Amino acid sequence: MDNDALILGFDETTNDNLKITLSSCDVLGGGIIITLNGYIDIYTSMFFQGQIEKIVEAGYINLIFDCKNLNYVSSTGIGVFSSLLKNIKLQSGDIILINMPEKVREVFQLLGFSQFFHFRNSVDEAITFFRQEVDTSTPVFPMVFGCPVCSKRLKATNAGRFRCSECKSILAVDEQGKVLVG
């Protein structure tokens, strides 16, 4: 589907380093799937922010970002994501990041922003999240644990790699909540 068919004038502005493709998400009211291809850094962040603002102005407040082809996000790009999340939350919407490459997700985690965003593996999982049809079994996350190196109490909101705020060790937490060094 053509981006302009969903949001009139969306393709008037382009950037060779970041391609944004829109897909309707009819099963989710106020929802849209935004596929990112390229990278978000200081040079592309203003373009990215402007395009997403067009989406929000068109009435979409439940945003699913497919990040499968997102190669890099700088701290500036994460700042744009954070600003967008704040604005979306004020409108009772949310942002879900799906298919996030591990190297990109690590940037969110190392900068301490992973706790503010919802990461899922597919569009179906994102839609389930928006519909509040989450698994009612005992969740592993968020979890509080002691750093295995220095015993500092830390909180993990999801599986992934983290840096201890005390001893700076890199820690890995798996889906079952097991904590490993490195």
N, C-alpha and C. Protein backbone atom coordinates (compact mmCIF):
# COMPACT_ATOMS: atom_id res chain seq x y z
N MET A 1 0.85 -1.18 0.00
CA MET A 1 0.00 0.00 0.00
C MET A 1 0.90 1.25 0.00
N ASP A 2 0.49 2.24 -0.70
CA ASP A 2 1.20 3.49 -0.81
C ASP A 2 1.06 4.28 0.50
N ASN A 3 2.18 4.83 0.99
CA ASN A 3 2.14 5.62 2.23
C ASN A 3 1.15 6.77 2.14
N ASP A 4 1.11 7.44 0.99
CA ASP A 4 0.20 8.58 0.81
C ASP A 4 -1.27 8.18 0.86
N ALA A 5 -1.57 6.89 0.60
CA ALA A 5 -2.95 6.42 0.70
C ALA A 5 -3.39 6.38 2.17
N LEU A 6 -2.46 6.18 3.07
CA LEU A 6 -2.78 6.18 4.51
C LEU A 6 -2.71 7.58 5.10
N ILE A 7 -1.68 8.32 4.72
CA ILE A 7 -1.49 9.68 5.24
C ILE A 7 -1.12 10.58 4.06
N LEU A 8 -2.04 11.43 3.69
CA LEU A 8 -1.85 12.31 2.54
C LEU A 8 -0.60 13.17 2.72
N GLY A 9 0.27 13.16 1.72
CA GLY A 9 1.49 13.96 1.75
C GLY A 9 2.64 13.35 2.52
N PHE A 10 2.50 12.11 2.96
CA PHE A 10 3.55 11.49 3.79
C PHE A 10 4.86 11.37 3.02
N ASP A 11 4.79 11.02 1.74
CA ASP A 11 6.01 10.79 0.96
C ASP A 11 6.59 12.05 0.32
N GLU A 12 6.05 13.22 0.68
CA GLU A 12 6.60 14.46 0.13
C GLU A 12 8.03 14.70 0.61
N THR A 13 8.33 14.23 1.81
CA THR A 13 9.68 14.37 2.37
C THR A 13 10.30 12.99 2.44
N THR A 14 11.55 12.87 1.95
CA THR A 14 12.24 11.58 1.98
C THR A 14 13.65 11.77 2.51
N ASN A 15 14.28 10.66 2.86
CA ASN A 15 15.66 10.67 3.32
C ASN A 15 16.30 9.38 2.81
N ASP A 16 17.44 9.50 2.16
CA ASP A 16 18.10 8.32 1.58
C ASP A 16 18.61 7.35 2.64
N ASN A 17 18.83 7.82 3.87
CA ASN A 17 19.40 6.98 4.92
C ASN A 17 18.37 6.34 5.84
N LEU A 18 17.11 6.75 5.70
CA LEU A 18 16.04 6.16 6.50
C LEU A 18 14.77 6.10 5.66
N LYS A 19 14.34 4.90 5.38
CA LYS A 19 13.10 4.68 4.64
C LYS A 19 12.02 4.29 5.64
N ILE A 20 10.85 4.90 5.51
CA ILE A 20 9.72 4.61 6.40
C ILE A 20 8.56 4.15 5.53
N THR A 21 8.06 2.96 5.82
CA THR A 21 6.93 2.40 5.09
C THR A 21 5.79 2.18 6.07
N LEU A 22 4.59 2.54 5.67
CA LEU A 22 3.41 2.43 6.52
C LEU A 22 2.52 1.28 6.05
N SER A 23 1.93 0.59 7.03
CA SER A 23 0.94 -0.45 6.75
C SER A 23 -0.22 -0.26 7.69
N SER A 24 -1.42 -0.42 7.17
CA SER A 24 -2.59 -0.28 8.04
C SER A 24 -2.68 -1.47 8.98
N CYS A 25 -3.27 -1.22 10.11
CA CYS A 25 -3.50 -2.26 11.10
C CYS A 25 -4.96 -2.16 11.51
N ASP A 26 -5.82 -2.64 10.62
CA ASP A 26 -7.27 -2.47 10.77
C ASP A 26 -7.82 -3.10 12.04
N VAL A 27 -7.20 -4.16 12.52
CA VAL A 27 -7.71 -4.84 13.72
C VAL A 27 -7.44 -4.05 15.00
N LEU A 28 -6.65 -3.00 14.88
CA LEU A 28 -6.27 -2.21 16.04
C LEU A 28 -6.70 -0.76 15.81
N GLY A 29 -7.71 -0.32 16.54
CA GLY A 29 -8.18 1.06 16.40
C GLY A 29 -7.08 2.05 16.70
N GLY A 30 -6.89 3.02 15.81
CA GLY A 30 -5.84 4.02 16.01
C GLY A 30 -4.44 3.45 15.88
N GLY A 31 -4.33 2.29 15.23
CA GLY A 31 -3.04 1.63 15.10
C GLY A 31 -2.50 1.64 13.69
N ILE A 32 -1.17 1.63 13.61
CA ILE A 32 -0.48 1.60 12.33
C ILE A 32 0.86 0.91 12.52
N ILE A 33 1.31 0.22 11.47
CA ILE A 33 2.62 -0.43 11.50
C ILE A 33 3.58 0.44 10.70
N ILE A 34 4.70 0.78 11.33
CA ILE A 34 5.70 1.66 10.72
C ILE A 34 6.98 0.84 10.56
N THR A 35 7.36 0.56 9.32
CA THR A 35 8.57 -0.22 9.07
C THR A 35 9.73 0.73 8.81
N LEU A 36 10.80 0.54 9.58
CA LEU A 36 11.98 1.39 9.48
C LEU A 36 13.09 0.63 8.78
N ASN A 37 13.75 1.28 7.82
CA ASN A 37 14.84 0.66 7.07
C ASN A 37 15.97 1.68 6.97
N GLY A 38 17.08 1.41 7.62
CA GLY A 38 18.22 2.32 7.61
C GLY A 38 18.70 2.60 9.02
N TYR A 39 18.94 3.87 9.32
CA TYR A 39 19.42 4.21 10.65
C TYR A 39 18.88 5.56 11.09
N ILE A 40 18.84 5.73 12.42
CA ILE A 40 18.39 6.99 13.01
C ILE A 40 19.54 7.55 13.82
N ASP A 41 20.08 8.66 13.34
CA ASP A 41 21.19 9.32 14.04
C ASP A 41 20.93 10.82 14.02
N ILE A 42 21.94 11.60 14.32
CA ILE A 42 21.77 13.05 14.38
C ILE A 42 21.34 13.64 13.04
N TYR A 43 21.71 12.97 11.94
CA TYR A 43 21.38 13.49 10.62
C TYR A 43 19.99 13.10 10.13
N THR A 44 19.47 11.99 10.62
CA THR A 44 18.15 11.53 10.18
C THR A 44 17.06 11.72 11.23
N SER A 45 17.43 12.10 12.43
CA SER A 45 16.46 12.17 13.53
C SER A 45 15.37 13.22 13.31
N MET A 46 15.70 14.37 12.73
CA MET A 46 14.68 15.39 12.48
C MET A 46 13.67 14.90 11.43
N PHE A 47 14.18 14.23 10.38
CA PHE A 47 13.30 13.64 9.38
C PHE A 47 12.38 12.62 10.04
N PHE A 48 12.96 11.73 10.84
CA PHE A 48 12.19 10.69 11.54
C PHE A 48 11.11 11.31 12.42
N GLN A 49 11.49 12.30 13.21
CA GLN A 49 10.52 12.94 14.11
C GLN A 49 9.39 13.59 13.31
N GLY A 50 9.73 14.29 12.25
CA GLY A 50 8.71 14.95 11.43
C GLY A 50 7.73 13.96 10.81
N GLN A 51 8.25 12.84 10.33
CA GLN A 51 7.38 11.84 9.70
C GLN A 51 6.45 11.20 10.73
N ILE A 52 6.98 10.91 11.91
CA ILE A 52 6.14 10.29 12.94
C ILE A 52 5.11 11.30 13.45
N GLU A 53 5.46 12.55 13.51
CA GLU A 53 4.48 13.57 13.92
C GLU A 53 3.32 13.64 12.92
N LYS A 54 3.62 13.45 11.62
CA LYS A 54 2.55 13.40 10.61
C LYS A 54 1.59 12.24 10.90
N ILE A 55 2.17 11.12 11.31
CA ILE A 55 1.36 9.93 11.61
C ILE A 55 0.44 10.21 12.80
N VAL A 56 1.00 10.80 13.84
CA VAL A 56 0.22 11.10 15.05
C VAL A 56 -0.85 12.15 14.74
N GLU A 57 -0.51 13.16 13.96
CA GLU A 57 -1.48 14.19 13.58
C GLU A 57 -2.63 13.61 12.76
N ALA A 58 -2.36 12.50 12.06
CA ALA A 58 -3.41 11.84 11.28
C ALA A 58 -4.32 10.98 12.17
N GLY A 59 -4.04 10.93 13.47
CA GLY A 59 -4.91 10.22 14.40
C GLY A 59 -4.43 8.86 14.85
N TYR A 60 -3.27 8.45 14.43
CA TYR A 60 -2.73 7.17 14.87
C TYR A 60 -1.99 7.35 16.19
N ILE A 61 -2.41 6.60 17.22
CA ILE A 61 -1.77 6.73 18.53
C ILE A 61 -1.22 5.41 19.07
N ASN A 62 -1.52 4.31 18.39
CA ASN A 62 -0.96 3.01 18.75
C ASN A 62 0.01 2.63 17.64
N LEU A 63 1.29 2.87 17.91
CA LEU A 63 2.31 2.73 16.87
C LEU A 63 3.11 1.45 17.07
N ILE A 64 3.16 0.64 16.03
CA ILE A 64 3.99 -0.57 16.03
C ILE A 64 5.14 -0.30 15.07
N PHE A 65 6.35 -0.21 15.62
CA PHE A 65 7.54 0.03 14.80
C PHE A 65 8.19 -1.32 14.49
N ASP A 66 8.23 -1.69 13.20
CA ASP A 66 8.94 -2.90 12.80
C ASP A 66 10.39 -2.49 12.52
N CYS A 67 11.27 -2.94 13.38
CA CYS A 67 12.67 -2.50 13.36
C CYS A 67 13.62 -3.53 12.76
N LYS A 68 13.07 -4.52 12.06
CA LYS A 68 13.88 -5.61 11.51
C LYS A 68 15.05 -5.07 10.68
N ASN A 69 14.83 -4.02 9.91
CA ASN A 69 15.87 -3.47 9.04
C ASN A 69 16.45 -2.16 9.55
N LEU A 70 16.31 -1.94 10.85
CA LEU A 70 16.91 -0.76 11.47
C LEU A 70 18.33 -1.14 11.88
N ASN A 71 19.31 -0.51 11.25
CA ASN A 71 20.71 -0.90 11.45
C ASN A 71 21.36 -0.23 12.65
N TYR A 72 20.87 0.95 13.03
CA TYR A 72 21.55 1.72 14.07
C TYR A 72 20.62 2.79 14.61
N VAL A 73 20.70 3.03 15.91
CA VAL A 73 20.01 4.15 16.54
C VAL A 73 21.01 4.81 17.48
N SER A 74 21.24 6.10 17.28
CA SER A 74 22.13 6.85 18.17
C SER A 74 21.36 7.34 19.38
N SER A 75 22.07 7.94 20.31
CA SER A 75 21.39 8.51 21.48
C SER A 75 20.41 9.60 21.06
N THR A 76 20.71 10.32 19.99
CA THR A 76 19.78 11.32 19.47
C THR A 76 18.50 10.65 18.98
N GLY A 77 18.63 9.54 18.30
CA GLY A 77 17.47 8.79 17.83
C GLY A 77 16.63 8.26 18.98
N ILE A 78 17.28 7.78 20.02
CA ILE A 78 16.54 7.29 21.19
C ILE A 78 15.84 8.46 21.86
N GLY A 79 16.45 9.63 21.85
CA GLY A 79 15.80 10.82 22.38
C GLY A 79 14.52 11.15 21.63
N VAL A 80 14.54 10.98 20.31
CA VAL A 80 13.33 11.22 19.50
C VAL A 80 12.27 10.18 19.86
N PHE A 81 12.67 8.91 19.95
CA PHE A 81 11.71 7.87 20.36
C PHE A 81 11.09 8.22 21.71
N SER A 82 11.91 8.67 22.65
CA SER A 82 11.41 9.00 24.00
C SER A 82 10.43 10.16 23.97
N SER A 83 10.75 11.18 23.19
CA SER A 83 9.86 12.33 23.06
C SER A 83 8.53 11.91 22.44
N LEU A 84 8.59 11.06 21.41
CA LEU A 84 7.38 10.56 20.77
C LEU A 84 6.55 9.74 21.75
N LEU A 85 7.22 8.90 22.54
CA LEU A 85 6.50 8.08 23.52
C LEU A 85 5.76 8.96 24.52
N LYS A 86 6.42 10.00 24.99
CA LYS A 86 5.77 10.91 25.94
C LYS A 86 4.52 11.54 25.34
N ASN A 87 4.63 12.02 24.11
CA ASN A 87 3.48 12.64 23.44
C ASN A 87 2.35 11.64 23.17
N ILE A 88 2.71 10.42 22.78
CA ILE A 88 1.72 9.38 22.51
C ILE A 88 0.99 8.98 23.79
N LYS A 89 1.73 8.85 24.89
CA LYS A 89 1.12 8.47 26.17
C LYS A 89 0.12 9.52 26.63
N LEU A 90 0.39 10.80 26.35
CA LEU A 90 -0.55 11.86 26.71
C LEU A 90 -1.88 11.72 25.97
N GLN A 91 -1.85 11.02 24.84
CA GLN A 91 -3.07 10.79 24.06
C GLN A 91 -3.63 9.39 24.29
N SER A 92 -3.17 8.73 25.35
CA SER A 92 -3.60 7.37 25.72
C SER A 92 -3.20 6.33 24.68
N GLY A 93 -2.11 6.56 23.99
CA GLY A 93 -1.58 5.59 23.05
C GLY A 93 -0.30 4.98 23.58
N ASP A 94 0.36 4.20 22.74
CA ASP A 94 1.62 3.58 23.15
C ASP A 94 2.44 3.23 21.92
N ILE A 95 3.69 2.87 22.17
CA ILE A 95 4.63 2.47 21.12
C ILE A 95 5.13 1.07 21.45
N ILE A 96 5.12 0.20 20.44
CA ILE A 96 5.69 -1.14 20.56
C ILE A 96 6.78 -1.25 19.50
N LEU A 97 7.93 -1.77 19.90
CA LEU A 97 9.04 -1.99 18.99
C LEU A 97 9.14 -3.49 18.74
N ILE A 98 9.01 -3.90 17.48
CA ILE A 98 9.08 -5.33 17.17
C ILE A 98 10.29 -5.62 16.28
N ASN A 99 10.70 -6.89 16.31
CA ASN A 99 11.80 -7.38 15.46
C ASN A 99 13.07 -6.53 15.63
N MET A 100 13.33 -6.08 16.83
CA MET A 100 14.48 -5.21 17.10
C MET A 100 15.77 -6.03 17.04
N PRO A 101 16.70 -5.66 16.16
CA PRO A 101 18.00 -6.34 16.14
C PRO A 101 18.69 -6.19 17.51
N GLU A 102 19.37 -7.23 17.93
CA GLU A 102 19.99 -7.25 19.26
C GLU A 102 20.97 -6.09 19.46
N LYS A 103 21.75 -5.77 18.43
CA LYS A 103 22.73 -4.68 18.59
C LYS A 103 22.06 -3.32 18.79
N VAL A 104 20.87 -3.14 18.20
CA VAL A 104 20.13 -1.89 18.37
C VAL A 104 19.46 -1.87 19.75
N ARG A 105 18.91 -3.01 20.12
CA ARG A 105 18.25 -3.10 21.43
C ARG A 105 19.25 -2.85 22.56
N GLU A 106 20.48 -3.29 22.39
CA GLU A 106 21.51 -3.08 23.41
C GLU A 106 21.76 -1.59 23.65
N VAL A 107 21.62 -0.77 22.61
CA VAL A 107 21.80 0.67 22.78
C VAL A 107 20.72 1.22 23.72
N PHE A 108 19.47 0.78 23.52
CA PHE A 108 18.38 1.18 24.41
C PHE A 108 18.70 0.76 25.85
N GLN A 109 19.18 -0.48 26.01
CA GLN A 109 19.45 -1.00 27.34
C GLN A 109 20.63 -0.30 28.00
N LEU A 110 21.71 -0.13 27.27
CA LEU A 110 22.90 0.49 27.86
C LEU A 110 22.67 1.95 28.24
N LEU A 111 21.79 2.63 27.51
CA LEU A 111 21.47 4.02 27.84
C LEU A 111 20.35 4.12 28.88
N GLY A 112 19.78 2.98 29.28
CA GLY A 112 18.76 2.96 30.32
C GLY A 112 17.35 3.25 29.84
N PHE A 113 17.09 3.15 28.55
CA PHE A 113 15.77 3.48 28.01
C PHE A 113 14.90 2.25 27.75
N SER A 114 15.46 1.06 27.86
CA SER A 114 14.68 -0.14 27.55
C SER A 114 13.50 -0.32 28.50
N GLN A 115 13.59 0.24 29.70
CA GLN A 115 12.49 0.09 30.66
C GLN A 115 11.27 0.90 30.27
N PHE A 116 11.40 1.86 29.37
CA PHE A 116 10.28 2.71 28.99
C PHE A 116 9.54 2.20 27.76
N PHE A 117 10.16 1.30 27.02
CA PHE A 117 9.59 0.82 25.76
C PHE A 117 9.17 -0.64 25.87
N HIS A 118 8.20 -1.02 25.05
CA HIS A 118 7.73 -2.40 24.99
C HIS A 118 8.36 -3.04 23.75
N PHE A 119 9.07 -4.13 23.97
CA PHE A 119 9.68 -4.87 22.87
C PHE A 119 8.91 -6.18 22.68
N ARG A 120 8.54 -6.48 21.46
CA ARG A 120 7.84 -7.72 21.14
C ARG A 120 8.50 -8.31 19.89
N ASN A 121 8.14 -9.56 19.59
CA ASN A 121 8.77 -10.27 18.48
C ASN A 121 7.99 -10.23 17.18
N SER A 122 6.70 -9.84 17.23
CA SER A 122 5.89 -9.88 16.01
C SER A 122 4.74 -8.88 16.11
N VAL A 123 4.11 -8.65 14.98
CA VAL A 123 2.92 -7.80 14.93
C VAL A 123 1.82 -8.41 15.80
N ASP A 124 1.65 -9.72 15.71
CA ASP A 124 0.61 -10.38 16.51
C ASP A 124 0.82 -10.16 18.01
N GLU A 125 2.07 -10.26 18.47
CA GLU A 125 2.35 -10.02 19.89
C GLU A 125 2.07 -8.57 20.26
N ALA A 126 2.37 -7.64 19.36
CA ALA A 126 2.10 -6.23 19.62
C ALA A 126 0.60 -5.97 19.71
N ILE A 127 -0.15 -6.55 18.81
CA ILE A 127 -1.61 -6.39 18.83
C ILE A 127 -2.19 -6.97 20.11
N THR A 128 -1.68 -8.13 20.51
CA THR A 128 -2.13 -8.74 21.77
C THR A 128 -1.85 -7.80 22.94
N PHE A 129 -0.68 -7.19 22.94
CA PHE A 129 -0.35 -6.23 24.01
C PHE A 129 -1.36 -5.09 24.03
N PHE A 130 -1.62 -4.51 22.87
CA PHE A 130 -2.56 -3.39 22.80
C PHE A 130 -3.97 -3.80 23.24
N ARG A 131 -4.33 -5.02 22.96
CA ARG A 131 -5.66 -5.50 23.33
C ARG A 131 -5.72 -5.98 24.78
N GLN A 132 -4.62 -5.89 25.49
CA GLN A 132 -4.55 -6.30 26.90
C GLN A 132 -4.83 -7.78 27.09
N GLU A 133 -4.55 -8.58 26.07
CA GLU A 133 -4.75 -10.02 26.17
C GLU A 133 -3.44 -10.69 26.55
N VAL A 134 -2.83 -10.21 27.60
CA VAL A 134 -1.54 -10.74 28.01
C VAL A 134 -1.72 -12.03 28.80
N ASP A 135 -0.71 -12.81 28.82
CA ASP A 135 -0.69 -14.07 29.56
C ASP A 135 -0.86 -13.79 31.04
N THR A 136 -1.76 -14.51 31.68
CA THR A 136 -2.04 -14.27 33.09
C THR A 136 -1.17 -15.13 34.01
N SER A 137 -0.29 -15.95 33.45
CA SER A 137 0.61 -16.73 34.30
C SER A 137 1.57 -15.78 35.01
N THR A 138 2.25 -16.28 36.00
CA THR A 138 3.14 -15.44 36.79
C THR A 138 4.26 -14.88 35.91
N PRO A 139 4.33 -13.57 35.78
CA PRO A 139 5.37 -12.99 34.92
C PRO A 139 6.74 -13.00 35.61
N VAL A 140 7.78 -13.15 34.82
CA VAL A 140 9.14 -13.11 35.33
C VAL A 140 9.57 -11.66 35.54
N PHE A 141 9.14 -10.79 34.63
CA PHE A 141 9.56 -9.39 34.65
C PHE A 141 8.41 -8.48 35.04
N PRO A 142 8.66 -7.37 35.67
CA PRO A 142 9.97 -6.89 36.12
C PRO A 142 10.48 -7.73 37.29
N MET A 143 11.80 -7.78 37.41
CA MET A 143 12.41 -8.54 38.49
C MET A 143 13.52 -7.73 39.13
N VAL A 144 13.71 -7.94 40.41
CA VAL A 144 14.81 -7.31 41.15
C VAL A 144 15.79 -8.42 41.48
N PHE A 145 17.07 -8.16 41.25
CA PHE A 145 18.09 -9.17 41.50
C PHE A 145 19.37 -8.50 41.99
N GLY A 146 20.24 -9.28 42.57
CA GLY A 146 21.53 -8.78 43.01
C GLY A 146 22.58 -9.02 41.95
N CYS A 147 23.40 -8.03 41.68
CA CYS A 147 24.49 -8.19 40.72
C CYS A 147 25.38 -9.33 41.20
N PRO A 148 25.69 -10.31 40.35
CA PRO A 148 26.52 -11.43 40.79
C PRO A 148 27.98 -11.03 41.07
N VAL A 149 28.39 -9.84 40.66
CA VAL A 149 29.75 -9.37 40.89
C VAL A 149 29.86 -8.57 42.17
N CYS A 150 28.96 -7.57 42.35
CA CYS A 150 29.09 -6.66 43.50
C CYS A 150 27.89 -6.68 44.45
N SER A 151 26.86 -7.45 44.13
CA SER A 151 25.64 -7.59 44.94
C SER A 151 24.73 -6.36 44.93
N LYS A 152 25.00 -5.37 44.11
CA LYS A 152 24.12 -4.20 43.99
C LYS A 152 22.74 -4.67 43.54
N ARG A 153 21.68 -4.16 44.17
CA ARG A 153 20.31 -4.53 43.77
C ARG A 153 19.96 -3.79 42.49
N LEU A 154 19.51 -4.55 41.49
CA LEU A 154 19.18 -4.00 40.18
C LEU A 154 17.78 -4.46 39.78
N LYS A 155 17.20 -3.75 38.83
CA LYS A 155 15.87 -4.10 38.33
C LYS A 155 15.96 -4.32 36.82
N ALA A 156 15.37 -5.41 36.35
CA ALA A 156 15.29 -5.70 34.92
C ALA A 156 13.82 -5.75 34.54
N THR A 157 13.45 -4.99 33.51
CA THR A 157 12.06 -4.98 33.07
C THR A 157 11.80 -5.98 31.96
N ASN A 158 12.88 -6.54 31.39
CA ASN A 158 12.76 -7.54 30.35
C ASN A 158 14.10 -8.25 30.19
N ALA A 159 14.11 -9.31 29.42
CA ALA A 159 15.34 -10.04 29.16
C ALA A 159 16.27 -9.19 28.32
N GLY A 160 17.58 -9.41 28.47
CA GLY A 160 18.54 -8.68 27.67
C GLY A 160 19.85 -8.48 28.40
N ARG A 161 20.65 -7.60 27.86
CA ARG A 161 21.96 -7.29 28.45
C ARG A 161 21.89 -5.93 29.14
N PHE A 162 22.53 -5.84 30.30
CA PHE A 162 22.50 -4.63 31.10
C PHE A 162 23.89 -4.35 31.66
N ARG A 163 24.11 -3.12 32.06
CA ARG A 163 25.35 -2.75 32.74
C ARG A 163 25.01 -2.42 34.18
N CYS A 164 25.72 -3.05 35.12
CA CYS A 164 25.51 -2.77 36.53
C CYS A 164 25.89 -1.32 36.81
N SER A 165 25.03 -0.60 37.50
CA SER A 165 25.30 0.82 37.78
C SER A 165 26.41 1.01 38.81
N GLU A 166 26.72 -0.04 39.56
CA GLU A 166 27.75 0.06 40.60
C GLU A 166 29.13 -0.34 40.07
N CYS A 167 29.26 -1.58 39.62
CA CYS A 167 30.58 -2.10 39.23
C CYS A 167 30.82 -2.06 37.72
N LYS A 168 29.79 -1.67 36.95
CA LYS A 168 29.87 -1.53 35.49
C LYS A 168 30.03 -2.85 34.74
N SER A 169 29.79 -3.97 35.41
CA SER A 169 29.85 -5.28 34.75
C SER A 169 28.68 -5.41 33.78
N ILE A 170 28.91 -6.10 32.67
CA ILE A 170 27.84 -6.38 31.72
C ILE A 170 27.16 -7.67 32.20
N LEU A 171 25.84 -7.60 32.32
CA LEU A 171 25.05 -8.73 32.80
C LEU A 171 24.03 -9.11 31.73
N ALA A 172 23.74 -10.39 31.64
CA ALA A 172 22.71 -10.88 30.73
C ALA A 172 21.62 -11.53 31.56
N VAL A 173 20.37 -11.19 31.26
CA VAL A 173 19.22 -11.79 31.93
C VAL A 173 18.41 -12.49 30.85
N ASP A 174 18.21 -13.81 31.01
CA ASP A 174 17.45 -14.55 29.99
C ASP A 174 15.95 -14.47 30.26
N GLU A 175 15.15 -15.05 29.36
CA GLU A 175 13.68 -14.97 29.43
C GLU A 175 13.11 -15.58 30.72
N GLN A 176 13.87 -16.51 31.32
CA GLN A 176 13.41 -17.14 32.55
C GLN A 176 13.89 -16.39 33.81
N GLY A 177 14.67 -15.31 33.61
CA GLY A 177 15.15 -14.51 34.72
C GLY A 177 16.50 -14.94 35.26
N LYS A 178 17.19 -15.82 34.56
CA LYS A 178 18.51 -16.24 34.99
C LYS A 178 19.53 -15.16 34.64
N VAL A 179 20.38 -14.80 35.62
CA VAL A 179 21.34 -13.72 35.46
C VAL A 179 22.72 -14.30 35.26
N LEU A 180 23.41 -13.84 34.21
CA LEU A 180 24.78 -14.28 33.90
C LEU A 180 25.68 -13.07 33.72
N VAL A 181 26.94 -13.22 34.00
CA VAL A 181 27.92 -12.15 33.77
C VAL A 181 28.38 -12.26 32.32
N GLY A 182 28.42 -11.10 31.61
CA GLY A 182 28.90 -11.07 30.23
C GLY A 182 27.83 -11.09 29.30
